[in-house]
Amino acid sequence: MGRGQKLFLIGLVLLAALIGILVWKNRQPPFLPQDAEHRGFVSAEDCLTCHSAEGVFPRGRNHPLGFDCTRCHGAP
């Protein structure tokens, strides 16, 4: 393998690593699903019926403690 090919390969690996880091750092919260269960939700109280600590699908451990769900997750 020539010097030019090695430099190209190193550059390609560095570019792939940079793209991977950027994608990992800039993750966005998912939008609210467009299904029938979520379609009428307009407030955090609607969301927290299922996603409170006692709900059927509680928020994850790393979820911020805010109560403005549609600010991050978008309105349905």
N, C-alpha and C. Protein backbone atom coordinates (compact mmCIF):
# COMPACT_ATOMS: atom_id res chain seq x y z
N MET A 1 0.86 -1.17 0.00
CA MET A 1 0.00 0.00 0.00
C MET A 1 0.91 1.23 0.00
N GLY A 2 0.63 2.14 -0.92
CA GLY A 2 1.44 3.34 -1.04
C GLY A 2 1.11 4.38 0.02
N ARG A 3 1.96 5.40 0.10
CA ARG A 3 1.78 6.45 1.10
C ARG A 3 0.46 7.21 0.88
N GLY A 4 0.13 7.48 -0.36
CA GLY A 4 -1.11 8.18 -0.66
C GLY A 4 -2.34 7.39 -0.23
N GLN A 5 -2.30 6.10 -0.45
CA GLN A 5 -3.42 5.25 -0.04
C GLN A 5 -3.57 5.20 1.47
N LYS A 6 -2.44 5.15 2.18
CA LYS A 6 -2.49 5.15 3.64
C LYS A 6 -3.07 6.45 4.17
N LEU A 7 -2.65 7.58 3.61
CA LEU A 7 -3.17 8.88 4.03
C LEU A 7 -4.67 8.98 3.73
N PHE A 8 -5.08 8.48 2.58
CA PHE A 8 -6.49 8.49 2.23
C PHE A 8 -7.30 7.65 3.22
N LEU A 9 -6.79 6.48 3.56
CA LEU A 9 -7.47 5.58 4.49
C LEU A 9 -7.55 6.21 5.89
N ILE A 10 -6.48 6.83 6.34
CA ILE A 10 -6.49 7.51 7.64
C ILE A 10 -7.50 8.65 7.62
N GLY A 11 -7.52 9.42 6.55
CA GLY A 11 -8.48 10.52 6.43
C GLY A 11 -9.91 10.01 6.44
N LEU A 12 -10.15 8.90 5.78
CA LEU A 12 -11.49 8.31 5.74
C LEU A 12 -11.93 7.84 7.13
N VAL A 13 -11.03 7.22 7.86
CA VAL A 13 -11.34 6.77 9.23
C VAL A 13 -11.62 7.97 10.13
N LEU A 14 -10.81 9.02 10.03
CA LEU A 14 -11.03 10.22 10.83
C LEU A 14 -12.36 10.88 10.49
N LEU A 15 -12.71 10.93 9.22
CA LEU A 15 -13.98 11.51 8.81
C LEU A 15 -15.15 10.69 9.36
N ALA A 16 -15.05 9.38 9.29
CA ALA A 16 -16.11 8.52 9.83
C ALA A 16 -16.24 8.72 11.35
N ALA A 17 -15.12 8.85 12.05
CA ALA A 17 -15.17 9.08 13.50
C ALA A 17 -15.81 10.43 13.80
N LEU A 18 -15.47 11.46 13.04
CA LEU A 18 -16.05 12.78 13.25
C LEU A 18 -17.56 12.76 13.02
N ILE A 19 -18.00 12.12 11.96
CA ILE A 19 -19.43 12.02 11.68
C ILE A 19 -20.13 11.25 12.81
N GLY A 20 -19.53 10.17 13.28
CA GLY A 20 -20.12 9.41 14.37
C GLY A 20 -20.25 10.23 15.65
N ILE A 21 -19.24 11.01 15.97
CA ILE A 21 -19.28 11.86 17.17
C ILE A 21 -20.35 12.92 17.02
N LEU A 22 -20.45 13.55 15.86
CA LEU A 22 -21.46 14.59 15.66
C LEU A 22 -22.87 14.03 15.75
N VAL A 23 -23.09 12.87 15.20
CA VAL A 23 -24.42 12.25 15.27
C VAL A 23 -24.74 11.89 16.72
N TRP A 24 -23.78 11.37 17.45
CA TRP A 24 -24.00 10.96 18.83
C TRP A 24 -24.26 12.17 19.72
N LYS A 25 -23.56 13.27 19.51
CA LYS A 25 -23.71 14.47 20.35
C LYS A 25 -24.99 15.23 20.05
N ASN A 26 -25.52 15.16 18.84
CA ASN A 26 -26.66 15.97 18.44
C ASN A 26 -27.95 15.18 18.36
N ARG A 27 -28.10 14.21 19.23
CA ARG A 27 -29.35 13.45 19.22
C ARG A 27 -30.50 14.33 19.67
N GLN A 28 -31.59 14.25 18.99
CA GLN A 28 -32.79 15.02 19.31
C GLN A 28 -33.81 14.10 19.96
N PRO A 29 -34.64 14.66 20.86
CA PRO A 29 -35.70 13.82 21.44
C PRO A 29 -36.68 13.39 20.35
N PRO A 30 -37.27 12.23 20.49
CA PRO A 30 -38.23 11.79 19.48
C PRO A 30 -39.51 12.62 19.53
N PHE A 31 -40.13 12.79 18.38
CA PHE A 31 -41.42 13.47 18.34
C PHE A 31 -42.49 12.57 18.93
N LEU A 32 -43.59 13.17 19.38
CA LEU A 32 -44.70 12.38 19.88
C LEU A 32 -45.24 11.51 18.75
N PRO A 33 -45.62 10.28 19.05
CA PRO A 33 -46.19 9.41 18.02
C PRO A 33 -47.49 10.00 17.47
N GLN A 34 -47.79 9.69 16.24
CA GLN A 34 -49.01 10.18 15.60
C GLN A 34 -50.13 9.14 15.68
N ASP A 35 -50.10 8.30 16.70
CA ASP A 35 -51.14 7.29 16.83
C ASP A 35 -52.35 7.84 17.57
N ALA A 36 -53.40 7.04 17.67
CA ALA A 36 -54.66 7.49 18.28
C ALA A 36 -54.48 7.83 19.75
N GLU A 37 -53.61 7.12 20.45
CA GLU A 37 -53.42 7.38 21.88
C GLU A 37 -52.83 8.75 22.17
N HIS A 38 -51.96 9.24 21.29
CA HIS A 38 -51.26 10.50 21.54
C HIS A 38 -51.85 11.69 20.78
N ARG A 39 -52.76 11.47 19.88
CA ARG A 39 -53.24 12.51 18.98
C ARG A 39 -53.87 13.70 19.71
N GLY A 40 -54.57 13.50 20.80
CA GLY A 40 -55.27 14.58 21.49
C GLY A 40 -54.46 15.25 22.59
N PHE A 41 -53.22 14.88 22.78
CA PHE A 41 -52.44 15.41 23.88
C PHE A 41 -52.02 16.85 23.61
N VAL A 42 -52.25 17.72 24.58
CA VAL A 42 -51.87 19.12 24.43
C VAL A 42 -51.10 19.63 25.65
N SER A 43 -51.03 18.86 26.72
CA SER A 43 -50.36 19.34 27.92
C SER A 43 -49.56 18.22 28.57
N ALA A 44 -48.71 18.61 29.51
CA ALA A 44 -47.90 17.62 30.22
C ALA A 44 -48.76 16.68 31.05
N GLU A 45 -49.88 17.17 31.54
CA GLU A 45 -50.76 16.31 32.33
C GLU A 45 -51.25 15.12 31.50
N ASP A 46 -51.52 15.38 30.23
CA ASP A 46 -51.93 14.29 29.34
C ASP A 46 -50.82 13.25 29.23
N CYS A 47 -49.59 13.72 29.06
CA CYS A 47 -48.45 12.81 28.90
C CYS A 47 -48.18 12.03 30.18
N LEU A 48 -48.29 12.73 31.31
CA LEU A 48 -47.90 12.12 32.58
C LEU A 48 -48.90 11.10 33.10
N THR A 49 -50.05 10.97 32.46
CA THR A 49 -50.96 9.90 32.87
C THR A 49 -50.30 8.54 32.66
N CYS A 50 -49.47 8.43 31.63
CA CYS A 50 -48.75 7.17 31.37
C CYS A 50 -47.26 7.26 31.71
N HIS A 51 -46.68 8.46 31.61
CA HIS A 51 -45.23 8.59 31.71
C HIS A 51 -44.74 9.17 33.03
N SER A 52 -45.58 9.22 34.05
CA SER A 52 -45.12 9.63 35.39
C SER A 52 -44.39 8.44 36.02
N ALA A 53 -43.80 8.66 37.18
CA ALA A 53 -43.06 7.59 37.86
C ALA A 53 -43.97 6.40 38.18
N GLU A 54 -45.25 6.67 38.41
CA GLU A 54 -46.20 5.59 38.73
C GLU A 54 -46.95 5.09 37.50
N GLY A 55 -46.69 5.69 36.34
CA GLY A 55 -47.43 5.35 35.13
C GLY A 55 -47.02 4.02 34.52
N VAL A 56 -47.73 3.65 33.48
CA VAL A 56 -47.49 2.39 32.78
C VAL A 56 -46.14 2.41 32.06
N PHE A 57 -45.78 3.56 31.47
CA PHE A 57 -44.52 3.73 30.75
C PHE A 57 -43.77 4.92 31.33
N PRO A 58 -43.15 4.77 32.51
CA PRO A 58 -42.49 5.92 33.15
C PRO A 58 -41.31 6.43 32.32
N ARG A 59 -41.01 7.72 32.52
CA ARG A 59 -39.85 8.31 31.85
C ARG A 59 -38.59 7.60 32.31
N GLY A 60 -37.58 7.59 31.46
CA GLY A 60 -36.32 6.92 31.78
C GLY A 60 -35.54 7.64 32.87
N ARG A 61 -34.56 6.95 33.43
CA ARG A 61 -33.72 7.51 34.49
C ARG A 61 -33.03 8.80 34.07
N ASN A 62 -32.60 8.87 32.82
CA ASN A 62 -31.84 10.02 32.35
C ASN A 62 -32.71 11.12 31.75
N HIS A 63 -34.01 11.00 31.83
CA HIS A 63 -34.91 12.00 31.26
C HIS A 63 -34.89 13.25 32.13
N PRO A 64 -34.80 14.44 31.53
CA PRO A 64 -34.86 15.68 32.32
C PRO A 64 -36.17 15.77 33.09
N LEU A 65 -36.16 16.54 34.17
CA LEU A 65 -37.32 16.61 35.04
C LEU A 65 -38.36 17.63 34.61
N GLY A 66 -38.24 18.22 33.44
CA GLY A 66 -39.20 19.23 33.00
C GLY A 66 -40.60 18.68 32.82
N PHE A 67 -41.57 19.59 32.81
CA PHE A 67 -42.97 19.20 32.63
C PHE A 67 -43.59 19.88 31.42
N ASP A 68 -42.77 20.25 30.45
CA ASP A 68 -43.26 20.87 29.22
C ASP A 68 -42.93 19.91 28.08
N CYS A 69 -43.64 18.81 28.02
CA CYS A 69 -43.33 17.71 27.10
C CYS A 69 -43.27 18.14 25.64
N THR A 70 -44.24 18.98 25.22
CA THR A 70 -44.31 19.34 23.81
C THR A 70 -43.20 20.30 23.40
N ARG A 71 -42.52 20.92 24.34
CA ARG A 71 -41.40 21.81 23.98
C ARG A 71 -40.27 20.99 23.37
N CYS A 72 -39.96 19.86 23.96
CA CYS A 72 -38.87 19.02 23.45
C CYS A 72 -39.36 18.00 22.41
N HIS A 73 -40.52 17.42 22.65
CA HIS A 73 -40.98 16.32 21.81
C HIS A 73 -41.91 16.77 20.69
N GLY A 74 -42.27 18.02 20.63
CA GLY A 74 -43.13 18.53 19.57
C GLY A 74 -44.57 18.16 19.78
N ALA A 75 -45.43 19.03 19.32
CA ALA A 75 -46.87 18.77 19.44
C ALA A 75 -47.29 17.76 18.39
N PRO A 76 -48.24 16.89 18.73
CA PRO A 76 -48.69 15.89 17.74
C PRO A 76 -49.44 16.53 16.59
